Amino acid sequence: MGTIFSEGKLNKLVMIRVLPGSDIIEGIEEACRALDIQSGAISSCIGSLQKASFLIAVPLKTKVGEGYSDPINLDGPLELLSAQGTIGREQNGHLFIHMHGLLSDQDGNVHGGHLIKGENPVLITCEIMISQVKGVKMVRTYDPDVDMEVFIPSQK
Protein backbone atom coordinates (compact mmCIF):
# COMPACT_ATOMS: atom_id res chain seq x y z
CA MET A 1 0.00 0.00 0.00
CA GLY A 2 1.30 3.44 -0.77
CA THR A 3 0.17 7.02 -1.10
CA ILE A 4 1.52 10.37 -2.19
CA PHE A 5 -0.16 13.37 -0.64
CA SER A 6 0.16 17.07 -0.08
CA GLU A 7 -1.73 19.39 2.23
CA GLY A 8 -3.20 22.69 1.13
CA LYS A 9 -6.07 25.03 1.87
CA LEU A 10 -9.30 25.71 0.04
CA ASN A 11 -8.86 29.21 -1.29
CA LYS A 12 -12.19 29.89 -2.98
CA LEU A 13 -15.17 28.32 -4.65
CA VAL A 14 -15.97 29.26 -8.22
CA MET A 15 -19.30 28.67 -9.93
CA ILE A 16 -19.29 28.39 -13.73
CA ARG A 17 -22.00 28.09 -16.34
CA VAL A 18 -20.76 26.68 -19.63
CA LEU A 19 -22.98 27.96 -22.44
CA PRO A 20 -24.73 25.95 -25.18
CA GLY A 21 -22.37 24.69 -27.88
CA SER A 22 -19.25 25.13 -25.75
CA ASP A 23 -17.19 22.12 -24.67
CA ILE A 24 -17.30 21.41 -20.92
CA ILE A 25 -13.55 20.96 -20.44
CA GLU A 26 -12.64 23.93 -22.63
CA GLY A 27 -15.13 26.05 -20.64
CA ILE A 28 -13.52 25.02 -17.36
CA GLU A 29 -10.08 25.79 -18.79
CA GLU A 30 -11.24 29.25 -19.86
CA ALA A 31 -12.47 30.04 -16.34
CA CYS A 32 -9.32 28.62 -14.71
CA ARG A 33 -7.07 30.74 -16.93
CA ALA A 34 -9.14 33.89 -16.28
CA LEU A 35 -9.12 33.29 -12.50
CA ASP A 36 -5.52 31.97 -12.32
CA ILE A 37 -6.57 28.62 -10.85
CA GLN A 38 -3.49 26.38 -10.88
CA SER A 39 -4.77 23.47 -8.78
CA GLY A 40 -8.23 22.43 -7.73
CA ALA A 41 -11.12 20.03 -7.85
CA ILE A 42 -14.27 19.94 -9.92
CA SER A 43 -16.58 19.06 -7.07
CA SER A 44 -19.96 19.40 -8.78
CA CYS A 45 -21.02 19.33 -12.41
CA ILE A 46 -24.49 18.80 -13.90
CA GLY A 47 -26.15 19.76 -17.16
CA SER A 48 -27.02 18.47 -20.62
CA LEU A 49 -24.93 17.63 -23.67
CA GLN A 50 -25.47 17.65 -27.42
CA LYS A 51 -23.22 14.58 -27.68
CA ALA A 52 -20.48 12.96 -25.65
CA SER A 53 -17.14 11.26 -26.16
CA PHE A 54 -15.31 9.41 -23.41
CA LEU A 55 -12.89 6.58 -22.64
CA ILE A 56 -13.33 3.62 -20.32
CA ALA A 57 -10.82 1.30 -18.66
CA VAL A 58 -10.37 -1.98 -20.54
CA PRO A 59 -8.07 -4.99 -20.17
CA LEU A 60 -4.88 -4.52 -22.20
CA LYS A 61 -1.45 -6.09 -22.26
CA THR A 62 0.22 -3.31 -20.29
CA LYS A 63 2.31 -3.18 -17.16
CA VAL A 64 -0.85 -2.94 -14.99
CA GLY A 65 -3.07 -5.09 -17.21
CA GLU A 66 -5.37 -2.31 -18.38
CA GLY A 67 -5.56 0.86 -20.39
CA TYR A 68 -8.13 3.03 -22.10
CA SER A 69 -10.60 2.07 -24.80
CA ASP A 70 -10.98 3.77 -28.12
CA PRO A 71 -13.34 6.75 -27.78
CA ILE A 72 -16.97 5.87 -27.11
CA ASN A 73 -19.29 8.36 -28.81
CA LEU A 74 -22.91 8.98 -27.83
CA ASP A 75 -25.39 11.13 -29.70
CA GLY A 76 -27.64 13.38 -27.66
CA PRO A 77 -29.62 14.67 -26.14
CA LEU A 78 -27.79 13.50 -23.02
CA GLU A 79 -28.25 14.36 -19.37
CA LEU A 80 -24.98 14.97 -17.52
CA LEU A 81 -25.90 13.42 -14.18
CA SER A 82 -22.61 14.08 -12.43
CA ALA A 83 -18.97 14.81 -13.15
CA GLN A 84 -15.89 15.32 -11.02
CA GLY A 85 -12.29 15.99 -11.76
CA THR A 86 -8.87 17.34 -10.96
CA ILE A 87 -7.34 20.60 -12.16
CA GLY A 88 -3.58 20.80 -12.52
CA ARG A 89 -0.74 21.24 -14.97
CA GLU A 90 1.24 19.26 -17.49
CA GLN A 91 5.01 19.23 -16.93
CA ASN A 92 5.31 21.93 -19.62
CA GLY A 93 3.04 24.18 -17.53
CA HIS A 94 -0.10 23.85 -19.66
CA LEU A 95 -3.40 23.52 -17.83
CA PHE A 96 -4.84 19.99 -17.70
CA ILE A 97 -8.34 18.96 -16.64
CA HIS A 98 -8.85 15.29 -15.72
CA MET A 99 -12.62 14.77 -15.67
CA HIS A 100 -14.93 11.76 -15.40
CA GLY A 101 -18.67 11.91 -15.90
CA LEU A 102 -21.91 9.95 -15.74
CA LEU A 103 -24.40 10.46 -18.56
CA SER A 104 -27.89 9.19 -19.30
CA ASP A 105 -29.18 8.81 -22.84
CA GLN A 106 -32.73 9.44 -24.04
CA ASP A 107 -33.72 5.89 -22.99
CA GLY A 108 -32.38 6.35 -19.45
CA ASN A 109 -29.33 4.14 -19.96
CA VAL A 110 -26.36 5.33 -17.90
CA HIS A 111 -22.87 5.60 -19.39
CA GLY A 112 -19.68 7.00 -17.96
CA GLY A 113 -15.97 7.40 -18.23
CA HIS A 114 -13.06 9.77 -18.82
CA LEU A 115 -14.38 12.77 -20.81
CA ILE A 116 -12.41 13.80 -23.90
CA LYS A 117 -11.55 17.49 -24.28
CA GLY A 118 -13.30 19.19 -27.20
CA GLU A 119 -15.86 16.41 -27.69
CA ASN A 120 -18.58 17.20 -25.12
CA PRO A 121 -20.60 20.27 -26.17
CA VAL A 122 -23.29 21.64 -23.86
CA LEU A 123 -26.91 21.38 -24.99
CA ILE A 124 -28.80 23.75 -22.62
CA THR A 125 -26.49 24.46 -19.70
CA CYS A 126 -23.71 23.02 -17.59
CA GLU A 127 -23.30 24.19 -14.01
CA ILE A 128 -19.94 23.54 -12.39
CA MET A 129 -18.43 24.22 -8.98
CA ILE A 130 -14.65 24.37 -8.70
CA SER A 131 -12.81 24.30 -5.38
CA GLN A 132 -9.49 26.10 -5.78
CA VAL A 133 -6.66 24.68 -3.67
CA LYS A 134 -3.67 26.75 -2.53
CA GLY A 135 -0.40 25.23 -1.37
CA VAL A 136 -0.71 22.08 -3.49
CA LYS A 137 0.82 21.65 -6.91
CA MET A 138 -0.81 19.00 -9.12
CA VAL A 139 1.45 18.05 -12.03
CA ARG A 140 0.93 15.23 -14.54
CA THR A 141 4.12 13.24 -14.31
CA TYR A 142 5.21 9.94 -15.84
CA ASP A 143 4.81 7.10 -13.33
CA PRO A 144 6.92 4.08 -14.36
CA ASP A 145 4.83 1.78 -12.12
CA VAL A 146 1.76 2.31 -14.34
CA ASP A 147 3.61 3.37 -17.50
CA MET A 148 1.59 6.57 -18.01
CA GLU A 149 1.31 10.16 -16.88
CA VAL A 150 -0.78 10.74 -13.75
CA PHE A 151 -1.37 13.67 -11.40
CA ILE A 152 1.09 13.70 -8.52
CA PRO A 153 0.50 16.15 -5.66
CA SER A 154 3.36 18.13 -4.15
CA GLN A 155 3.82 21.24 -2.03
CA LYS A 156 4.11 24.56 -3.80
C-alpha atoms as a PDB file:
ATOM      1  CA  MET A   1       0.000   0.000   0.000  1.00  0.00           C
ATOM      2  CA  GLY A   2       1.301   3.444  -0.765  1.00  0.00           C
ATOM      3  CA  THR A   3       0.174   7.023  -1.100  1.00  0.00           C
ATOM      4  CA  ILE A   4       1.524  10.366  -2.190  1.00  0.00           C
ATOM      5  CA  PHE A   5      -0.157  13.370  -0.636  1.00  0.00           C
ATOM      6  CA  SER A   6       0.156  17.066  -0.084  1.00  0.00           C
ATOM      7  CA  GLU A   7      -1.729  19.393   2.225  1.00  0.00           C
ATOM      8  CA  GLY A   8      -3.204  22.689   1.129  1.00  0.00           C
ATOM      9  CA  LYS A   9      -6.073  25.028   1.866  1.00  0.00           C
ATOM     10  CA  LEU A  10      -9.304  25.713   0.044  1.00  0.00           C
ATOM     11  CA  ASN A  11      -8.856  29.207  -1.290  1.00  0.00           C
ATOM     12  CA  LYS A  12     -12.188  29.887  -2.977  1.00  0.00           C
ATOM     13  CA  LEU A  13     -15.169  28.316  -4.646  1.00  0.00           C
ATOM     14  CA  VAL A  14     -15.971  29.255  -8.217  1.00  0.00           C
ATOM     15  CA  MET A  15     -19.297  28.669  -9.931  1.00  0.00           C
ATOM     16  CA  ILE A  16     -19.287  28.392 -13.728  1.00  0.00           C
ATOM     17  CA  ARG A  17     -22.001  28.093 -16.341  1.00  0.00           C
ATOM     18  CA  VAL A  18     -20.759  26.683 -19.634  1.00  0.00           C
ATOM     19  CA  LEU A  19     -22.980  27.964 -22.440  1.00  0.00           C
ATOM     20  CA  PRO A  20     -24.728  25.955 -25.183  1.00  0.00           C
ATOM     21  CA  GLY A  21     -22.370  24.688 -27.878  1.00  0.00           C
ATOM     22  CA  SER A  22     -19.252  25.127 -25.746  1.00  0.00           C
ATOM     23  CA  ASP A  23     -17.192  22.124 -24.672  1.00  0.00           C
ATOM     24  CA  ILE A  24     -17.297  21.411 -20.924  1.00  0.00           C
ATOM     25  CA  ILE A  25     -13.549  20.958 -20.437  1.00  0.00           C
ATOM     26  CA  GLU A  26     -12.640  23.932 -22.634  1.00  0.00           C
ATOM     27  CA  GLY A  27     -15.126  26.046 -20.638  1.00  0.00           C
ATOM     28  CA  ILE A  28     -13.516  25.015 -17.365  1.00  0.00           C
ATOM     29  CA  GLU A  29     -10.079  25.785 -18.786  1.00  0.00           C
ATOM     30  CA  GLU A  30     -11.236  29.250 -19.857  1.00  0.00           C
ATOM     31  CA  ALA A  31     -12.474  30.037 -16.338  1.00  0.00           C
ATOM     32  CA  CYS A  32      -9.316  28.622 -14.713  1.00  0.00           C
ATOM     33  CA  ARG A  33      -7.071  30.744 -16.934  1.00  0.00           C
ATOM     34  CA  ALA A  34      -9.137  33.886 -16.281  1.00  0.00           C
ATOM     35  CA  LEU A  35      -9.123  33.288 -12.502  1.00  0.00           C
ATOM     36  CA  ASP A  36      -5.518  31.968 -12.324  1.00  0.00           C
ATOM     37  CA  ILE A  37      -6.565  28.620 -10.850  1.00  0.00           C
ATOM     38  CA  GLN A  38      -3.489  26.379 -10.879  1.00  0.00           C
ATOM     39  CA  SER A  39      -4.771  23.465  -8.777  1.00  0.00           C
ATOM     40  CA  GLY A  40      -8.226  22.426  -7.727  1.00  0.00           C
ATOM     41  CA  ALA A  41     -11.119  20.028  -7.846  1.00  0.00           C
ATOM     42  CA  ILE A  42     -14.272  19.937  -9.916  1.00  0.00           C
ATOM     43  CA  SER A  43     -16.584  19.058  -7.067  1.00  0.00           C
ATOM     44  CA  SER A  44     -19.961  19.401  -8.776  1.00  0.00           C
ATOM     45  CA  CYS A  45     -21.020  19.330 -12.409  1.00  0.00           C
ATOM     46  CA  ILE A  46     -24.486  18.799 -13.897  1.00  0.00           C
ATOM     47  CA  GLY A  47     -26.149  19.759 -17.161  1.00  0.00           C
ATOM     48  CA  SER A  48     -27.018  18.473 -20.616  1.00  0.00           C
ATOM     49  CA  LEU A  49     -24.928  17.632 -23.673  1.00  0.00           C
ATOM     50  CA  GLN A  50     -25.474  17.648 -27.424  1.00  0.00           C
ATOM     51  CA  LYS A  51     -23.216  14.581 -27.681  1.00  0.00           C
ATOM     52  CA  ALA A  52     -20.476  12.955 -25.652  1.00  0.00           C
ATOM     53  CA  SER A  53     -17.139  11.259 -26.161  1.00  0.00           C
ATOM     54  CA  PHE A  54     -15.311   9.414 -23.409  1.00  0.00           C
ATOM     55  CA  LEU A  55     -12.890   6.578 -22.638  1.00  0.00           C
ATOM     56  CA  ILE A  56     -13.326   3.622 -20.315  1.00  0.00           C
ATOM     57  CA  ALA A  57     -10.823   1.303 -18.656  1.00  0.00           C
ATOM     58  CA  VAL A  58     -10.368  -1.976 -20.542  1.00  0.00           C
ATOM     59  CA  PRO A  59      -8.075  -4.986 -20.173  1.00  0.00           C
ATOM     60  CA  LEU A  60      -4.880  -4.516 -22.197  1.00  0.00           C
ATOM     61  CA  LYS A  61      -1.448  -6.086 -22.259  1.00  0.00           C
ATOM     62  CA  THR A  62       0.220  -3.307 -20.295  1.00  0.00           C
ATOM     63  CA  LYS A  63       2.312  -3.178 -17.156  1.00  0.00           C
ATOM     64  CA  VAL A  64      -0.848  -2.940 -14.992  1.00  0.00           C
ATOM     65  CA  GLY A  65      -3.069  -5.088 -17.215  1.00  0.00           C
ATOM     66  CA  GLU A  66      -5.372  -2.313 -18.377  1.00  0.00           C
ATOM     67  CA  GLY A  67      -5.558   0.862 -20.388  1.00  0.00           C
ATOM     68  CA  TYR A  68      -8.126   3.035 -22.104  1.00  0.00           C
ATOM     69  CA  SER A  69     -10.595   2.073 -24.801  1.00  0.00           C
ATOM     70  CA  ASP A  70     -10.980   3.771 -28.122  1.00  0.00           C
ATOM     71  CA  PRO A  71     -13.337   6.749 -27.775  1.00  0.00           C
ATOM     72  CA  ILE A  72     -16.968   5.871 -27.107  1.00  0.00           C
ATOM     73  CA  ASN A  73     -19.292   8.363 -28.812  1.00  0.00           C
ATOM     74  CA  LEU A  74     -22.909   8.984 -27.834  1.00  0.00           C
ATOM     75  CA  ASP A  75     -25.390  11.133 -29.699  1.00  0.00           C
ATOM     76  CA  GLY A  76     -27.640  13.379 -27.659  1.00  0.00           C
ATOM     77  CA  PRO A  77     -29.616  14.667 -26.142  1.00  0.00           C
ATOM     78  CA  LEU A  78     -27.789  13.502 -23.021  1.00  0.00           C
ATOM     79  CA  GLU A  79     -28.248  14.364 -19.372  1.00  0.00           C
ATOM     80  CA  LEU A  80     -24.977  14.972 -17.522  1.00  0.00           C
ATOM     81  CA  LEU A  81     -25.899  13.418 -14.182  1.00  0.00           C
ATOM     82  CA  SER A  82     -22.611  14.078 -12.432  1.00  0.00           C
ATOM     83  CA  ALA A  83     -18.967  14.815 -13.152  1.00  0.00           C
ATOM     84  CA  GLN A  84     -15.889  15.318 -11.018  1.00  0.00           C
ATOM     85  CA  GLY A  85     -12.286  15.989 -11.759  1.00  0.00           C
ATOM     86  CA  THR A  86      -8.870  17.343 -10.957  1.00  0.00           C
ATOM     87  CA  ILE A  87      -7.337  20.603 -12.161  1.00  0.00           C
ATOM     88  CA  GLY A  88      -3.584  20.799 -12.520  1.00  0.00           C
ATOM     89  CA  ARG A  89      -0.743  21.244 -14.968  1.00  0.00           C
ATOM     90  CA  GLU A  90       1.239  19.260 -17.494  1.00  0.00           C
ATOM     91  CA  GLN A  91       5.009  19.233 -16.932  1.00  0.00           C
ATOM     92  CA  ASN A  92       5.309  21.929 -19.617  1.00  0.00           C
ATOM     93  CA  GLY A  93       3.038  24.182 -17.532  1.00  0.00           C
ATOM     94  CA  HIS A  94      -0.098  23.847 -19.658  1.00  0.00           C
ATOM     95  CA  LEU A  95      -3.400  23.521 -17.826  1.00  0.00           C
ATOM     96  CA  PHE A  96      -4.837  19.993 -17.702  1.00  0.00           C
ATOM     97  CA  ILE A  97      -8.340  18.955 -16.640  1.00  0.00           C
ATOM     98  CA  HIS A  98      -8.853  15.293 -15.718  1.00  0.00           C
ATOM     99  CA  MET A  99     -12.616  14.768 -15.672  1.00  0.00           C
ATOM    100  CA  HIS A 100     -14.928  11.763 -15.395  1.00  0.00           C
ATOM    101  CA  GLY A 101     -18.668  11.907 -15.899  1.00  0.00           C
ATOM    102  CA  LEU A 102     -21.910   9.949 -15.740  1.00  0.00           C
ATOM    103  CA  LEU A 103     -24.405  10.463 -18.559  1.00  0.00           C
ATOM    104  CA  SER A 104     -27.888   9.190 -19.305  1.00  0.00           C
ATOM    105  CA  ASP A 105     -29.182   8.807 -22.836  1.00  0.00           C
ATOM    106  CA  GLN A 106     -32.734   9.436 -24.042  1.00  0.00           C
ATOM    107  CA  ASP A 107     -33.716   5.891 -22.988  1.00  0.00           C
ATOM    108  CA  GLY A 108     -32.384   6.351 -19.447  1.00  0.00           C
ATOM    109  CA  ASN A 109     -29.329   4.143 -19.960  1.00  0.00           C
ATOM    110  CA  VAL A 110     -26.362   5.326 -17.900  1.00  0.00           C
ATOM    111  CA  HIS A 111     -22.869   5.603 -19.388  1.00  0.00           C
ATOM    112  CA  GLY A 112     -19.681   6.997 -17.957  1.00  0.00           C
ATOM    113  CA  GLY A 113     -15.971   7.400 -18.231  1.00  0.00           C
ATOM    114  CA  HIS A 114     -13.063   9.767 -18.818  1.00  0.00           C
ATOM    115  CA  LEU A 115     -14.381  12.768 -20.806  1.00  0.00           C
ATOM    116  CA  ILE A 116     -12.409  13.800 -23.897  1.00  0.00           C
ATOM    117  CA  LYS A 117     -11.554  17.486 -24.281  1.00  0.00           C
ATOM    118  CA  GLY A 118     -13.296  19.193 -27.197  1.00  0.00           C
ATOM    119  CA  GLU A 119     -15.860  16.412 -27.687  1.00  0.00           C
ATOM    120  CA  ASN A 120     -18.582  17.202 -25.119  1.00  0.00           C
ATOM    121  CA  PRO A 121     -20.597  20.274 -26.172  1.00  0.00           C
ATOM    122  CA  VAL A 122     -23.289  21.639 -23.857  1.00  0.00           C
ATOM    123  CA  LEU A 123     -26.911  21.382 -24.986  1.00  0.00           C
ATOM    124  CA  ILE A 124     -28.795  23.750 -22.616  1.00  0.00           C
ATOM    125  CA  THR A 125     -26.494  24.462 -19.698  1.00  0.00           C
ATOM    126  CA  CYS A 126     -23.713  23.016 -17.591  1.00  0.00           C
ATOM    127  CA  GLU A 127     -23.295  24.187 -14.008  1.00  0.00           C
ATOM    128  CA  ILE A 128     -19.935  23.544 -12.395  1.00  0.00           C
ATOM    129  CA  MET A 129     -18.426  24.217  -8.979  1.00  0.00           C
ATOM    130  CA  ILE A 130     -14.650  24.366  -8.697  1.00  0.00           C
ATOM    131  CA  SER A 131     -12.812  24.299  -5.379  1.00  0.00           C
ATOM    132  CA  GLN A 132      -9.494  26.101  -5.783  1.00  0.00           C
ATOM    133  CA  VAL A 133      -6.659  24.683  -3.674  1.00  0.00           C
ATOM    134  CA  LYS A 134      -3.671  26.753  -2.530  1.00  0.00           C
ATOM    135  CA  GLY A 135      -0.400  25.235  -1.369  1.00  0.00           C
ATOM    136  CA  VAL A 136      -0.705  22.078  -3.485  1.00  0.00           C
ATOM    137  CA  LYS A 137       0.818  21.649  -6.906  1.00  0.00           C
ATOM    138  CA  MET A 138      -0.806  19.001  -9.123  1.00  0.00           C
ATOM    139  CA  VAL A 139       1.451  18.051 -12.033  1.00  0.00           C
ATOM    140  CA  ARG A 140       0.929  15.232 -14.536  1.00  0.00           C
ATOM    141  CA  THR A 141       4.117  13.235 -14.306  1.00  0.00           C
ATOM    142  CA  TYR A 142       5.208   9.944 -15.841  1.00  0.00           C
ATOM    143  CA  ASP A 143       4.812   7.101 -13.332  1.00  0.00           C
ATOM    144  CA  PRO A 144       6.917   4.080 -14.357  1.00  0.00           C
ATOM    145  CA  ASP A 145       4.828   1.776 -12.123  1.00  0.00           C
ATOM    146  CA  VAL A 146       1.758   2.312 -14.341  1.00  0.00           C
ATOM    147  CA  ASP A 147       3.611   3.372 -17.504  1.00  0.00           C
ATOM    148  CA  MET A 148       1.585   6.568 -18.011  1.00  0.00           C
ATOM    149  CA  GLU A 149       1.308  10.165 -16.875  1.00  0.00           C
ATOM    150  CA  VAL A 150      -0.780  10.737 -13.748  1.00  0.00           C
ATOM    151  CA  PHE A 151      -1.368  13.669 -11.404  1.00  0.00           C
ATOM    152  CA  ILE A 152       1.085  13.699  -8.522  1.00  0.00           C
ATOM    153  CA  PRO A 153       0.501  16.149  -5.662  1.00  0.00           C
ATOM    154  CA  SER A 154       3.359  18.128  -4.152  1.00  0.00           C
ATOM    155  CA  GLN A 155       3.822  21.240  -2.027  1.00  0.00           C
ATOM    156  CA  LYS A 156       4.107  24.564  -3.800  1.00  0.00           C
END
